[in-house]
């Protein structure tokens, strides 16, 4: 199953240009994080559950980007009690 997201970037960018640069960045980071969290929650609801470790390990991490690009990764995290990944 694929997940598709469409964003009207012209309208968004036009509205953001009216704001100071730091607020632009905060808005973009917050919106992107909210979207990533929603995808992570959906992934958790769909993952097969054996021990529950995979479900517990799914998380959202901000990745390095640029001023214009905000990135988040949704993936299993490593850690104690998570099967030694």
Protein backbone atom coordinates (compact mmCIF):
# COMPACT_ATOMS: atom_id res chain seq x y z
CA UNK A 1 0.00 0.00 0.00
CA UNK A 2 1.31 3.42 -0.95
CA UNK A 3 0.89 6.68 0.90
CA UNK A 4 0.43 9.75 -1.25
CA UNK A 5 0.58 13.35 -0.05
CA UNK A 6 -0.10 16.45 -2.14
CA UNK A 7 0.74 19.93 -0.90
CA UNK A 8 -0.02 23.18 -2.74
CA UNK A 9 3.47 24.58 -2.31
CA UNK A 10 2.79 27.79 -4.29
CA UNK A 11 0.13 28.94 -1.83
CA UNK A 12 2.14 27.74 1.14
CA UNK A 13 5.33 29.46 0.06
CA UNK A 14 3.46 32.67 -0.74
CA UNK A 15 1.95 32.73 2.76
CA UNK A 16 5.26 31.87 4.42
CA UNK A 17 7.11 34.68 2.64
CA UNK A 18 4.98 37.11 4.61
CA UNK A 19 6.51 35.84 7.87
CA UNK A 20 10.01 36.44 9.33
CA UNK A 21 12.58 33.78 8.35
CA UNK A 22 12.77 32.05 11.77
CA UNK A 23 8.99 31.73 11.94
CA UNK A 24 8.95 30.34 8.38
CA UNK A 25 11.37 27.63 9.45
CA UNK A 26 9.43 26.84 12.64
CA UNK A 27 6.18 26.53 10.69
CA UNK A 28 7.75 24.21 8.12
CA UNK A 29 9.42 22.04 10.77
CA UNK A 30 6.25 21.81 12.84
CA UNK A 31 4.05 20.95 9.85
CA UNK A 32 6.49 18.38 8.54
CA UNK A 33 6.91 16.79 11.98
CA UNK A 34 3.11 16.58 12.39
CA UNK A 35 2.82 14.82 9.04
CA UNK A 36 5.66 12.44 9.89
CA UNK A 37 4.05 11.64 13.27
CA UNK A 38 0.76 10.82 11.54
CA UNK A 39 2.56 8.46 9.14
CA UNK A 40 4.43 6.82 12.04
CA UNK A 41 1.18 6.24 13.94
CA UNK A 42 -0.38 4.68 10.84
CA UNK A 43 2.67 2.44 10.41
CA UNK A 44 2.39 1.35 14.05
CA UNK A 45 -1.26 0.46 13.53
CA UNK A 46 -0.42 -1.71 10.50
CA UNK A 47 2.77 -3.50 11.58
CA UNK A 48 2.42 -7.19 12.44
CA UNK A 49 2.78 -7.78 16.18
CA UNK A 50 4.76 -10.76 17.47
CA UNK A 51 6.72 -9.44 20.44
CA UNK A 52 5.68 -5.80 19.95
CA UNK A 53 9.30 -4.67 19.64
CA UNK A 54 8.96 -3.46 16.05
CA UNK A 55 5.78 -1.53 16.83
CA UNK A 56 7.43 0.12 19.84
CA UNK A 57 10.54 0.95 17.84
CA UNK A 58 8.86 2.91 15.03
CA UNK A 59 9.73 6.55 15.47
CA UNK A 60 10.26 9.89 13.81
CA UNK A 61 13.72 11.43 13.59
CA UNK A 62 14.66 14.75 12.06
CA UNK A 63 17.36 14.44 9.44
CA UNK A 64 19.85 16.98 8.23
CA UNK A 65 18.42 19.24 5.57
CA UNK A 66 18.83 22.80 4.39
CA UNK A 67 16.97 26.05 5.02
CA UNK A 68 14.61 25.14 2.19
CA UNK A 69 14.35 21.40 2.86
CA UNK A 70 13.00 19.90 6.08
CA UNK A 71 13.41 16.11 6.41
CA UNK A 72 12.08 13.56 8.84
CA UNK A 73 12.59 9.80 8.69
CA UNK A 74 10.03 7.31 9.92
CA UNK A 75 11.81 4.07 10.74
CA UNK A 76 12.52 1.48 13.41
CA UNK A 77 14.93 2.82 15.99
CA UNK A 78 17.72 0.86 17.57
CA UNK A 79 17.91 0.36 21.26
CA UNK A 80 17.90 -1.87 24.29
CA UNK A 81 15.19 -4.48 24.18
CA UNK A 82 14.49 -3.97 20.50
CA UNK A 83 15.89 -7.26 19.21
CA UNK A 84 19.51 -6.08 18.94
CA UNK A 85 19.06 -4.23 15.64
